[in-house]
């Protein structure tokens, strides 16, 4: 295998890895969508409301 063939071989393998990764991610995303797992995603990115700090006397037990 000469230098140019080795370069082309590495390029083809890299492209195949990227292509395989895209297909795998697409299949995982479609499964998650079909299973209804993506319904919770908006809640995950929603900011929690700011909590109030109330300064008041504490009741004795």
PDB file of N, CA and C in Angstrom:
ATOM      1  N   UNK A   1       0.860  -1.170   0.000  1.00  0.00           N
ATOM      2  CA  UNK A   1       0.000   0.000   0.000  1.00  0.00           C
ATOM      3  C   UNK A   1       0.905   1.232   0.000  1.00  0.00           C
ATOM      4  N   UNK A   2       0.722   2.068  -0.987  1.00  0.00           N
ATOM      5  CA  UNK A   2       1.562   3.260  -1.045  1.00  0.00           C
ATOM      6  C   UNK A   2       0.938   4.404  -0.237  1.00  0.00           C
ATOM      7  N   UNK A   3       1.635   5.525  -0.234  1.00  0.00           N
ATOM      8  CA  UNK A   3       1.239   6.660   0.610  1.00  0.00           C
ATOM      9  C   UNK A   3      -0.157   7.168   0.253  1.00  0.00           C
ATOM     10  N   UNK A   4      -0.413   7.347  -1.043  1.00  0.00           N
ATOM     11  CA  UNK A   4      -1.697   7.906  -1.467  1.00  0.00           C
ATOM     12  C   UNK A   4      -2.844   6.944  -1.156  1.00  0.00           C
ATOM     13  N   UNK A   5      -2.635   5.678  -1.338  1.00  0.00           N
ATOM     14  CA  UNK A   5      -3.668   4.690  -1.023  1.00  0.00           C
ATOM     15  C   UNK A   5      -3.965   4.683   0.466  1.00  0.00           C
ATOM     16  N   UNK A   6      -2.934   4.833   1.290  1.00  0.00           N
ATOM     17  CA  UNK A   6      -3.128   4.866   2.745  1.00  0.00           C
ATOM     18  C   UNK A   6      -3.940   6.091   3.154  1.00  0.00           C
ATOM     19  N   UNK A   7      -3.650   7.228   2.534  1.00  0.00           N
ATOM     20  CA  UNK A   7      -4.411   8.454   2.844  1.00  0.00           C
ATOM     21  C   UNK A   7      -5.874   8.265   2.468  1.00  0.00           C
ATOM     22  N   UNK A   8      -6.129   7.727   1.277  1.00  0.00           N
ATOM     23  CA  UNK A   8      -7.511   7.515   0.838  1.00  0.00           C
ATOM     24  C   UNK A   8      -8.229   6.518   1.742  1.00  0.00           C
ATOM     25  N   UNK A   9      -7.504   5.497   2.172  1.00  0.00           N
ATOM     26  CA  UNK A   9      -8.093   4.494   3.057  1.00  0.00           C
ATOM     27  C   UNK A   9      -8.488   5.118   4.395  1.00  0.00           C
ATOM     28  N   UNK A  10      -7.601   5.942   4.952  1.00  0.00           N
ATOM     29  CA  UNK A  10      -7.924   6.619   6.220  1.00  0.00           C
ATOM     30  C   UNK A  10      -9.122   7.546   6.055  1.00  0.00           C
ATOM     31  N   UNK A  11      -9.170   8.259   4.930  1.00  0.00           N
ATOM     32  CA  UNK A  11     -10.281   9.177   4.683  1.00  0.00           C
ATOM     33  C   UNK A  11     -11.600   8.409   4.582  1.00  0.00           C
ATOM     34  N   UNK A  12     -11.585   7.283   3.854  1.00  0.00           N
ATOM     35  CA  UNK A  12     -12.802   6.479   3.729  1.00  0.00           C
ATOM     36  C   UNK A  12     -13.248   5.930   5.076  1.00  0.00           C
ATOM     37  N   UNK A  13     -12.306   5.488   5.884  1.00  0.00           N
ATOM     38  CA  UNK A  13     -12.669   4.970   7.209  1.00  0.00           C
ATOM     39  C   UNK A  13     -13.232   6.068   8.095  1.00  0.00           C
ATOM     40  N   UNK A  14     -12.654   7.260   8.039  1.00  0.00           N
ATOM     41  CA  UNK A  14     -13.159   8.379   8.833  1.00  0.00           C
ATOM     42  C   UNK A  14     -14.577   8.740   8.394  1.00  0.00           C
ATOM     43  N   UNK A  15     -14.800   8.800   7.087  1.00  0.00           N
ATOM     44  CA  UNK A  15     -16.137   9.102   6.581  1.00  0.00           C
ATOM     45  C   UNK A  15     -17.130   8.025   6.988  1.00  0.00           C
ATOM     46  N   UNK A  16     -16.695   6.773   6.970  1.00  0.00           N
ATOM     47  CA  UNK A  16     -17.582   5.680   7.373  1.00  0.00           C
ATOM     48  C   UNK A  16     -17.930   5.789   8.854  1.00  0.00           C
ATOM     49  N   UNK A  17     -16.961   6.179   9.691  1.00  0.00           N
ATOM     50  CA  UNK A  17     -17.248   6.347  11.123  1.00  0.00           C
ATOM     51  C   UNK A  17     -18.244   7.468  11.356  1.00  0.00           C
ATOM     52  N   UNK A  18     -18.073   8.579  10.656  1.00  0.00           N
ATOM     53  CA  UNK A  18     -19.005   9.702  10.803  1.00  0.00           C
ATOM     54  C   UNK A  18     -20.393   9.292  10.325  1.00  0.00           C
ATOM     55  N   UNK A  19     -20.457   8.630   9.197  1.00  0.00           N
ATOM     56  CA  UNK A  19     -21.740   8.179   8.653  1.00  0.00           C
ATOM     57  C   UNK A  19     -22.430   7.216   9.617  1.00  0.00           C
ATOM     58  N   UNK A  20     -21.672   6.283  10.174  1.00  0.00           N
ATOM     59  CA  UNK A  20     -22.227   5.324  11.134  1.00  0.00           C
ATOM     60  C   UNK A  20     -22.712   6.034  12.392  1.00  0.00           C
ATOM     61  N   UNK A  21     -21.947   7.013  12.865  1.00  0.00           N
ATOM     62  CA  UNK A  21     -22.349   7.762  14.060  1.00  0.00           C
ATOM     63  C   UNK A  21     -23.640   8.534  13.808  1.00  0.00           C
ATOM     64  N   UNK A  22     -23.763   9.149  12.639  1.00  0.00           N
ATOM     65  CA  UNK A  22     -24.990   9.891  12.320  1.00  0.00           C
ATOM     66  C   UNK A  22     -26.200   8.959  12.258  1.00  0.00           C
ATOM     67  N   UNK A  23     -26.036   7.810  11.648  1.00  0.00           N
ATOM     68  CA  UNK A  23     -27.144   6.854  11.576  1.00  0.00           C
ATOM     69  C   UNK A  23     -27.522   6.372  12.972  1.00  0.00           C
ATOM     70  N   UNK A  24     -26.517   6.073  13.805  1.00  0.00           N
ATOM     71  CA  UNK A  24     -26.786   5.603  15.166  1.00  0.00           C
ATOM     72  C   UNK A  24     -27.518   6.666  15.974  1.00  0.00           C
ATOM     73  N   UNK A  25     -27.052   7.911  15.896  1.00  0.00           N
ATOM     74  CA  UNK A  25     -27.721   8.990  16.627  1.00  0.00           C
ATOM     75  C   UNK A  25     -29.143   9.206  16.120  1.00  0.00           C
ATOM     76  N   UNK A  26     -29.323   9.100  14.812  1.00  0.00           N
ATOM     77  CA  UNK A  26     -30.664   9.234  14.251  1.00  0.00           C
ATOM     78  C   UNK A  26     -31.600   8.138  14.731  1.00  0.00           C
ATOM     79  N   UNK A  27     -31.098   6.910  14.781  1.00  0.00           N
ATOM     80  CA  UNK A  27     -31.924   5.803  15.271  1.00  0.00           C
ATOM     81  C   UNK A  27     -32.262   5.974  16.750  1.00  0.00           C
ATOM     82  N   UNK A  28     -31.294   6.396  17.549  1.00  0.00           N
ATOM     83  CA  UNK A  28     -31.561   6.622  18.974  1.00  0.00           C
ATOM     84  C   UNK A  28     -32.576   7.746  19.176  1.00  0.00           C
ATOM     85  N   UNK A  29     -32.434   8.822  18.397  1.00  0.00           N
ATOM     86  CA  UNK A  29     -33.370   9.937  18.519  1.00  0.00           C
ATOM     87  C   UNK A  29     -34.770   9.528  18.075  1.00  0.00           C
ATOM     88  N   UNK A  30     -34.871   8.749  17.010  1.00  0.00           N
ATOM     89  CA  UNK A  30     -36.201   8.327  16.556  1.00  0.00           C
ATOM     90  C   UNK A  30     -36.840   7.372  17.557  1.00  0.00           C
ATOM     91  N   UNK A  31     -36.045   6.509  18.185  1.00  0.00           N
ATOM     92  CA  UNK A  31     -36.591   5.630  19.217  1.00  0.00           C
ATOM     93  C   UNK A  31     -37.075   6.440  20.411  1.00  0.00           C
ATOM     94  N   UNK A  32     -36.288   7.431  20.826  1.00  0.00           N
ATOM     95  CA  UNK A  32     -36.682   8.259  21.965  1.00  0.00           C
ATOM     96  C   UNK A  32     -37.969   9.021  21.651  1.00  0.00           C
ATOM     97  N   UNK A  33     -38.091   9.510  20.417  1.00  0.00           N
ATOM     98  CA  UNK A  33     -39.307  10.224  20.032  1.00  0.00           C
ATOM     99  C   UNK A  33     -40.505   9.278  20.023  1.00  0.00           C
ATOM    100  N   UNK A  34     -40.320   8.093  19.467  1.00  0.00           N
ATOM    101  CA  UNK A  34     -41.420   7.132  19.376  1.00  0.00           C
ATOM    102  C   UNK A  34     -41.832   6.621  20.751  1.00  0.00           C
ATOM    103  N   UNK A  35     -40.887   6.513  21.662  1.00  0.00           N
ATOM    104  CA  UNK A  35     -41.191   6.009  23.001  1.00  0.00           C
ATOM    105  C   UNK A  35     -41.725   7.104  23.916  1.00  0.00           C
ATOM    106  N   UNK A  36     -41.738   8.345  23.440  1.00  0.00           N
ATOM    107  CA  UNK A  36     -42.256   9.441  24.252  1.00  0.00           C
ATOM    108  C   UNK A  36     -41.268   9.960  25.277  1.00  0.00           C
ATOM    109  N   UNK A  37     -39.997   9.652  25.088  1.00  0.00           N
ATOM    110  CA  UNK A  37     -38.996  10.089  26.059  1.00  0.00           C
ATOM    111  C   UNK A  37     -38.606  11.554  25.887  1.00  0.00           C
ATOM    112  N   UNK A  38     -38.991  12.151  24.767  1.00  0.00           N
ATOM    113  CA  UNK A  38     -38.604  13.535  24.515  1.00  0.00           C
ATOM    114  C   UNK A  38     -39.592  14.540  25.098  1.00  0.00           C
ATOM    115  N   UNK A  39     -40.662  14.060  25.718  1.00  0.00           N
ATOM    116  CA  UNK A  39     -41.644  14.981  26.289  1.00  0.00           C
ATOM    117  C   UNK A  39     -41.097  15.720  27.502  1.00  0.00           C
ATOM    118  N   UNK A  40     -40.095  15.151  28.155  1.00  0.00           N
ATOM    119  CA  UNK A  40     -39.543  15.762  29.357  1.00  0.00           C
ATOM    120  C   UNK A  40     -38.396  16.718  29.050  1.00  0.00           C
ATOM    121  N   UNK A  41     -37.945  16.777  27.820  1.00  0.00           N
ATOM    122  CA  UNK A  41     -36.792  17.608  27.480  1.00  0.00           C
ATOM    123  C   UNK A  41     -37.056  19.095  27.717  1.00  0.00           C
ATOM    124  N   UNK A  42     -38.208  19.666  27.330  1.00  0.00           N
ATOM    125  CA  UNK A  42     -38.418  21.092  27.609  1.00  0.00           C
ATOM    126  C   UNK A  42     -38.374  21.419  29.098  1.00  0.00           C
ATOM    127  N   UNK A  43     -38.865  20.522  29.943  1.00  0.00           N
ATOM    128  CA  UNK A  43     -38.814  20.764  31.384  1.00  0.00           C
ATOM    129  C   UNK A  43     -37.379  20.781  31.886  1.00  0.00           C
ATOM    130  N   UNK A  44     -36.525  20.013  31.254  1.00  0.00           N
ATOM    131  CA  UNK A  44     -35.127  19.947  31.678  1.00  0.00           C
ATOM    132  C   UNK A  44     -34.419  21.280  31.446  1.00  0.00           C
ATOM    133  N   UNK A  45     -34.761  21.977  30.355  1.00  0.00           N
ATOM    134  CA  UNK A  45     -34.089  23.228  30.026  1.00  0.00           C
ATOM    135  C   UNK A  45     -34.793  24.455  30.599  1.00  0.00           C
ATOM    136  N   UNK A  46     -35.968  24.275  31.164  1.00  0.00           N
ATOM    137  CA  UNK A  46     -36.685  25.400  31.748  1.00  0.00           C
ATOM    138  C   UNK A  46     -36.000  25.790  33.053  1.00  0.00           C
ATOM    139  N   UNK A  47     -35.824  27.079  33.231  1.00  0.00           N
ATOM    140  CA  UNK A  47     -35.157  27.542  34.447  1.00  0.00           C
ATOM    141  C   UNK A  47     -36.087  27.397  35.637  1.00  0.00           C
ATOM    142  N   UNK A  48     -35.507  27.067  36.763  1.00  0.00           N
ATOM    143  CA  UNK A  48     -36.288  26.969  37.995  1.00  0.00           C
ATOM    144  C   UNK A  48     -36.620  28.385  38.459  1.00  0.00           C
ATOM    145  N   UNK A  49     -37.819  28.591  38.976  1.00  0.00           N
ATOM    146  CA  UNK A  49     -38.166  29.932  39.455  1.00  0.00           C
ATOM    147  C   UNK A  49     -37.286  30.313  40.642  1.00  0.00           C
ATOM    148  N   UNK A  50     -37.035  31.593  40.747  1.00  0.00           N
ATOM    149  CA  UNK A  50     -36.217  32.082  41.861  1.00  0.00           C
ATOM    150  C   UNK A  50     -36.973  31.875  43.168  1.00  0.00           C
ATOM    151  N   UNK A  51     -36.280  31.414  44.160  1.00  0.00           N
ATOM    152  CA  UNK A  51     -36.920  31.152  45.446  1.00  0.00           C
ATOM    153  C   UNK A  51     -36.836  32.392  46.318  1.00  0.00           C
ATOM    154  N   UNK A  52     -37.925  32.637  47.020  1.00  0.00           N
ATOM    155  CA  UNK A  52     -37.946  33.783  47.929  1.00  0.00           C
ATOM    156  C   UNK A  52     -37.291  33.413  49.245  1.00  0.00           C
ATOM    157  N   UNK A  53     -36.528  34.331  49.761  1.00  0.00           N
ATOM    158  CA  UNK A  53     -35.961  34.146  51.090  1.00  0.00           C
ATOM    159  C   UNK A  53     -36.813  34.976  52.038  1.00  0.00           C
ATOM    160  N   UNK A  54     -37.520  34.296  52.906  1.00  0.00           N
ATOM    161  CA  UNK A  54     -38.422  34.975  53.834  1.00  0.00           C
ATOM    162  C   UNK A  54     -37.714  35.094  55.175  1.00  0.00           C
ATOM    163  N   UNK A  55     -37.586  36.332  55.618  1.00  0.00           N
ATOM    164  CA  UNK A  55     -36.973  36.562  56.924  1.00  0.00           C
ATOM    165  C   UNK A  55     -38.114  36.770  57.908  1.00  0.00           C
ATOM    166  N   UNK A  56     -38.337  35.772  58.738  1.00  0.00           N
ATOM    167  CA  UNK A  56     -39.426  35.834  59.709  1.00  0.00           C
ATOM    168  C   UNK A  56     -39.009  35.012  60.921  1.00  0.00           C
ATOM    169  N   UNK A  57     -39.621  35.298  62.043  1.00  0.00           N
ATOM    170  CA  UNK A  57     -39.281  34.506  63.228  1.00  0.00           C
ATOM    171  C   UNK A  57     -39.698  33.045  63.049  1.00  0.00           C
ATOM    172  N   UNK A  58     -38.904  32.160  63.611  1.00  0.00           N
ATOM    173  CA  UNK A  58     -39.172  30.730  63.521  1.00  0.00           C
ATOM    174  C   UNK A  58     -40.010  30.320  64.721  1.00  0.00           C
ATOM    175  N   UNK A  59     -41.063  29.555  64.472  1.00  0.00           N
ATOM    176  CA  UNK A  59     -41.941  29.118  65.564  1.00  0.00           C
ATOM    177  C   UNK A  59     -41.209  28.118  66.447  1.00  0.00           C
ATOM    178  N   UNK A  60     -41.469  28.215  67.750  1.00  0.00           N
ATOM    179  CA  UNK A  60     -40.844  27.277  68.687  1.00  0.00           C
ATOM    180  C   UNK A  60     -41.660  25.995  68.738  1.00  0.00           C
ATOM    181  N   UNK A  61     -40.976  24.884  68.894  1.00  0.00           N
ATOM    182  CA  UNK A  61     -41.655  23.590  68.922  1.00  0.00           C
ATOM    183  C   UNK A  61     -42.240  23.287  70.276  1.00  0.00           C
TER     184      UNK A  61
END
